[in-house]
Structure formats: structure tokens, C-alpha cells
Amino acid sequence: MFDSIYTSIVTAPQFFIMAAAAILTGFLYAWLMSFRIRSKKRFFIVVAIVPFIVAAVITFVNGNIGAGVAIGGAFSLIRFRSAQGSADEIAAILIAMGSGIAFGMGYVGYGIVILLCMAVLFLLLSVLPIFEHKSMTEDRLLRITIPESLEYSGAFDDTFAHYLKNWENAGVKTTGMGSMFRLSFKVQMKDPAEEKAFIDELRTKNGNLEIAVLPYTEPQNQL
């Protein structure tokens, strides 16, 4: 079961056995991962077919340097335009690609084991209470809109010291045709349950203008 089904020359029956195993196991893997990853239907369709696509490429190259260079050149012409994926989505794609390499080399048994075992392990790790540290609070992006007349340097330091564990200036931007400023901070709450009280106190200092507390992502353009 764990020996390669390929001989020196890949025959049609061998290829179709590999294709059937890769496609069926790919769809089962995508179905299992759909219980953990929140994403759109088309993402899981892609995950389901990736093992076969990678396997087919590996099969057709099959040690042929010229074919490998040609395929690399073809892929270099493709421009990928997609939203940044989550860690779960990236892991799902990498697992599917890894199994595709096994399928493509004829190791059908290993490809099936990689997909199904990693899907089960992924689901198991996601429900177990590990890697969760209650003492650590997640980073948040705080945006405060203030009138241009307010001297913002140090204006909120006392409130920050009371409610925040850490804070870091993430930039300043003018808004409202230059009549207001938008301050951005990377913050960590001491107690997430005090978020409303924190916002209410900030509202008394910024003239009740807009305040937003959002999930923090590494800056491309946080402002």
C-alpha cells in the first residue's frame, strides 16, 4: 500500500488510480477542514482539487528537466490577485500541496495518510485547550477621531494607563477635509470586559467624535 504504484513509465491505469485517490481524498479532506475553517465555498473547492493538480504536475514532470523548466515558466506568467489568507487557510493549502507531491510520485497510501491524518490532527488541536494563555490579551487597533484644535500629544495618556497594558502610536492622519485628526494606536487591554468603559472615557475627551476598536493586523495601511 505504501509502495509507489508508478513504474519507470507511468501507464494510464496507474495515473487514473492516482487521480481517483487524490480527488476523493481531497474532497474528504476539504469537508473535514470545513468544520474548522470559516471561509467561502470556493476556497474548499480549491483545497479539494489542489492535491490532484500538484500530483498531475509532478507526474508529468517525472524527472524531465525540460518539462520542469517549462512548467516553472508557465506558472511565472500567472498573476495571483487574492486577499491575504488566514493562518488556517494557508496551512490547509500547504497540507494539500504536500499530499499532492506524494500522490504525484505514486505513493498513494502516503498521500491519503497525510491528508486524513493532518485533517484529524488539525481538528483535534483546534478543540483542545492548548496554546491559550489567559494572561495574554490580543493586540487591537484603536482609532480616535479628534478636532484639529485638540493638542493630542499626551491627551489620552492617563486613560491609557488606567485601561491598557500596552499601547503604541501607529500613526496620525487628517480627515474631514483637514478639520479633524485620526489617531491610531496598537493597544492591549488590561481587561477586555472594560472596553465599553474605556471608550466612554475617551469620548469625554475627544468631543464625542468617532472611536473604533478593531482587530489589529500588521500595517500595510492601518490608517
Protein backbone atom coordinates (compact mmCIF):
# COMPACT_ATOMS: atom_id res chain seq x y z
CA MET A 1 0.00 0.00 0.00
CA PHE A 2 2.85 2.37 0.79
CA ASP A 3 4.99 1.48 -2.22
CA SER A 4 4.85 3.67 -5.31
CA ILE A 5 2.33 2.46 -7.89
CA TYR A 6 4.44 4.00 -10.67
CA THR A 7 6.91 2.05 -12.75
CA SER A 8 9.63 3.55 -14.94
CA ILE A 9 6.89 4.57 -17.38
CA VAL A 10 3.60 5.82 -15.96
CA THR A 11 0.71 3.93 -17.53
CA ALA A 12 -2.85 5.17 -17.94
CA PRO A 13 -4.30 2.80 -15.26
CA GLN A 14 -1.65 3.93 -12.78
CA PHE A 15 -2.42 7.58 -13.47
CA PHE A 16 -6.18 7.12 -13.09
CA ILE A 17 -5.75 5.20 -9.84
CA MET A 18 -3.66 8.11 -8.51
CA ALA A 19 -6.19 10.65 -9.81
CA ALA A 20 -9.16 8.88 -8.19
CA ALA A 21 -7.36 8.59 -4.84
CA ALA A 22 -6.20 12.23 -4.89
CA ILE A 23 -9.59 13.66 -5.86
CA LEU A 24 -11.69 11.55 -3.47
CA THR A 25 -9.32 12.05 -0.54
CA GLY A 26 -9.02 15.75 -1.40
CA PHE A 27 -12.76 16.26 -1.18
CA LEU A 28 -12.94 14.33 2.09
CA TYR A 29 -10.09 16.45 3.45
CA ALA A 30 -11.81 19.69 2.38
CA TRP A 31 -15.05 18.53 4.01
CA LEU A 32 -13.29 17.81 7.31
CA MET A 33 -11.46 21.15 7.25
CA SER A 34 -14.73 23.00 6.63
CA PHE A 35 -15.71 22.22 10.24
CA ARG A 36 -12.76 24.29 11.50
CA ILE A 37 -12.05 26.99 8.91
CA ARG A 38 -14.53 29.78 8.27
CA SER A 39 -14.23 30.53 4.59
CA LYS A 40 -16.21 30.61 1.36
CA LYS A 41 -17.30 27.56 -0.61
CA ARG A 42 -14.86 28.22 -3.44
CA PHE A 43 -11.92 28.04 -1.02
CA PHE A 44 -12.82 24.46 -0.09
CA ILE A 45 -13.32 23.56 -3.75
CA VAL A 46 -9.77 24.77 -4.42
CA VAL A 47 -8.42 22.85 -1.42
CA ALA A 48 -10.18 19.70 -2.65
CA ILE A 49 -8.59 19.79 -6.10
CA VAL A 50 -5.10 21.03 -5.14
CA PRO A 51 -3.78 17.51 -4.30
CA PHE A 52 -4.68 16.23 -7.76
CA ILE A 53 -3.36 19.32 -9.57
CA VAL A 54 0.00 19.13 -7.79
CA ALA A 55 0.12 15.35 -8.30
CA ALA A 56 -0.57 15.72 -12.01
CA VAL A 57 2.23 18.27 -12.39
CA ILE A 58 4.69 16.04 -10.52
CA THR A 59 3.62 13.04 -12.61
CA PHE A 60 4.06 14.80 -15.93
CA VAL A 61 7.45 16.29 -14.99
CA ASN A 62 8.65 12.90 -13.67
CA GLY A 63 12.35 13.80 -13.72
CA ASN A 64 12.20 15.63 -17.04
CA ILE A 65 14.27 18.79 -16.54
CA GLY A 66 12.95 20.41 -19.70
CA ALA A 67 9.33 19.87 -18.65
CA GLY A 68 10.11 21.20 -15.18
CA VAL A 69 11.59 24.40 -16.60
CA ALA A 70 8.61 24.80 -18.96
CA ILE A 71 6.09 24.39 -16.12
CA GLY A 72 8.03 26.84 -13.96
CA GLY A 73 7.93 29.38 -16.78
CA ALA A 74 4.19 28.87 -17.27
CA PHE A 75 3.48 29.44 -13.57
CA SER A 76 5.63 32.58 -13.61
CA LEU A 77 3.22 34.11 -16.14
CA ILE A 78 0.28 33.77 -13.76
CA ARG A 79 -0.59 36.79 -11.63
CA PHE A 80 -2.33 35.89 -8.41
CA ARG A 81 -4.71 38.52 -7.07
CA SER A 82 -6.30 37.37 -3.83
CA ALA A 83 -6.97 38.58 -0.33
CA GLN A 84 -4.43 37.71 2.33
CA GLY A 85 -5.33 34.31 3.76
CA SER A 86 -5.63 33.40 7.42
CA ALA A 87 -3.16 31.06 9.10
CA ASP A 88 -5.75 28.26 8.92
CA GLU A 89 -6.26 28.73 5.18
CA ILE A 90 -2.52 28.84 4.45
CA ALA A 91 -1.99 25.65 6.49
CA ALA A 92 -4.82 23.89 4.63
CA ILE A 93 -3.29 24.74 1.25
CA LEU A 94 0.21 23.65 2.32
CA ILE A 95 -1.09 20.30 3.60
CA ALA A 96 -2.95 19.75 0.32
CA MET A 97 0.18 20.57 -1.69
CA GLY A 98 2.32 18.23 0.43
CA SER A 99 -0.04 15.34 -0.16
CA GLY A 100 -0.14 16.20 -3.86
CA ILE A 101 3.62 15.65 -4.09
CA ALA A 102 3.19 12.20 -2.52
CA PHE A 103 0.38 11.32 -4.94
CA GLY A 104 2.40 12.63 -7.87
CA MET A 105 5.29 10.32 -7.03
CA GLY A 106 2.93 7.34 -6.93
CA TYR A 107 2.79 7.00 -3.14
CA VAL A 108 -1.00 6.89 -2.94
CA GLY A 109 -1.06 5.44 0.58
CA TYR A 110 1.18 8.18 1.95
CA GLY A 111 -0.90 10.86 0.22
CA ILE A 112 -4.10 9.55 1.81
CA VAL A 113 -2.47 9.33 5.24
CA ILE A 114 -1.08 12.87 5.00
CA LEU A 115 -4.46 14.38 4.11
CA LEU A 116 -6.70 12.49 6.53
CA CYS A 117 -4.31 12.37 9.49
CA MET A 118 -3.47 16.07 9.20
CA ALA A 119 -7.18 16.96 8.94
CA VAL A 120 -7.95 14.98 12.12
CA LEU A 121 -4.90 16.44 13.91
CA PHE A 122 -5.91 19.95 12.84
CA LEU A 123 -9.45 19.47 14.20
CA LEU A 124 -8.16 17.90 17.42
CA LEU A 125 -5.66 20.67 18.15
CA SER A 126 -8.32 23.32 17.47
CA VAL A 127 -10.64 21.99 20.21
CA LEU A 128 -8.02 21.18 22.85
CA PRO A 129 -7.30 23.98 25.36
CA ILE A 130 -3.62 24.28 24.48
CA PHE A 131 -1.58 27.28 23.35
CA GLU A 132 -4.17 29.51 25.03
CA HIS A 133 -2.69 31.82 27.65
CA LYS A 134 -5.30 33.79 29.56
CA SER A 135 -2.63 36.19 30.76
CA MET A 136 -2.07 37.32 27.18
CA THR A 137 -4.53 39.70 25.52
CA GLU A 138 -4.68 40.17 21.78
CA ASP A 139 -3.49 43.31 20.04
CA ARG A 140 -6.23 45.72 18.99
CA LEU A 141 -6.23 48.74 16.71
CA LEU A 142 -7.65 51.84 18.41
CA ARG A 143 -8.71 54.75 16.21
CA ILE A 144 -9.68 58.06 17.79
CA THR A 145 -11.02 60.99 15.80
CA ILE A 146 -10.32 64.37 17.39
CA PRO A 147 -10.94 68.02 16.40
CA GLU A 148 -7.94 69.85 14.98
CA SER A 149 -8.00 72.23 17.96
CA LEU A 150 -7.14 69.44 20.43
CA GLU A 151 -3.46 69.06 21.28
CA TYR A 152 -3.32 65.27 21.06
CA SER A 153 0.20 64.70 22.35
CA GLY A 154 -0.31 63.09 25.76
CA ALA A 155 -4.03 63.94 25.82
CA PHE A 156 -5.10 60.35 26.49
CA ASP A 157 -2.14 59.07 28.49
CA ASP A 158 -3.95 58.92 31.84
CA THR A 159 -6.86 56.96 30.35
CA PHE A 160 -4.47 54.63 28.54
CA ALA A 161 -2.52 54.00 31.74
CA HIS A 162 -5.71 53.06 33.56
CA TYR A 163 -7.21 50.66 30.99
CA LEU A 164 -4.33 49.46 28.81
CA LYS A 165 -1.50 47.05 29.42
CA ASN A 166 0.50 48.38 26.46
CA TRP A 167 -0.03 50.97 23.78
CA GLU A 168 1.95 52.12 20.78
CA ASN A 169 1.38 55.04 18.42
CA ALA A 170 0.54 53.65 14.96
CA GLY A 171 0.19 56.94 13.10
CA VAL A 172 -1.80 60.14 12.60
CA LYS A 173 -3.97 61.09 9.65
CA THR A 174 -6.05 64.15 8.81
CA THR A 175 -9.70 63.59 7.94
CA GLY A 176 -12.87 65.58 7.35
CA MET A 177 -11.20 67.89 4.80
CA GLY A 178 -8.44 68.62 7.31
CA SER A 179 -10.81 69.70 10.07
CA MET A 180 -10.07 66.64 12.22
CA PHE A 181 -7.29 64.21 13.02
CA ARG A 182 -7.49 60.41 13.26
CA LEU A 183 -5.07 58.89 15.77
CA SER A 184 -4.22 55.20 15.53
CA PHE A 185 -2.75 53.10 18.34
CA LYS A 186 -1.77 49.46 18.74
CA VAL A 187 -3.16 48.57 22.18
CA GLN A 188 -3.61 45.71 24.63
CA MET A 189 -6.44 45.90 27.15
CA LYS A 190 -5.78 45.00 30.77
CA ASP A 191 -9.31 43.62 30.98
CA PRO A 192 -11.28 43.18 27.72
CA ALA A 193 -14.51 43.40 29.72
CA GLU A 194 -13.75 47.09 30.38
CA GLU A 195 -13.76 48.03 26.70
CA LYS A 196 -17.04 49.99 26.88
CA ALA A 197 -15.91 51.96 29.94
CA PHE A 198 -12.64 52.68 28.15
CA ILE A 199 -14.44 54.01 25.08
CA ASP A 200 -16.86 56.08 27.18
CA GLU A 201 -13.96 57.81 28.94
CA LEU A 202 -12.24 58.53 25.62
CA ARG A 203 -15.48 60.07 24.29
CA THR A 204 -15.40 62.68 27.04
CA LYS A 205 -12.00 63.81 25.77
CA ASN A 206 -12.46 63.77 22.01
CA GLY A 207 -15.73 65.67 21.88
CA ASN A 208 -17.83 62.53 21.34
CA LEU A 209 -16.36 62.03 17.86
CA GLU A 210 -15.82 58.61 16.28
CA ILE A 211 -13.84 55.95 18.18
CA ALA A 212 -13.18 52.47 16.81
CA VAL A 213 -11.57 49.40 18.39
CA LEU A 214 -10.70 46.87 15.68
CA PRO A 215 -8.67 43.66 15.28
CA TYR A 216 -5.04 44.56 14.71
CA THR A 217 -3.21 43.42 11.59
CA GLU A 218 0.38 44.19 10.73
CA PRO A 219 0.42 47.50 8.90
CA GLN A 220 0.12 47.81 5.20
CA ASN A 221 -2.04 50.87 5.65
CA GLN A 222 -3.60 50.88 9.09
CA LEU A 223 -4.78 54.47 8.80
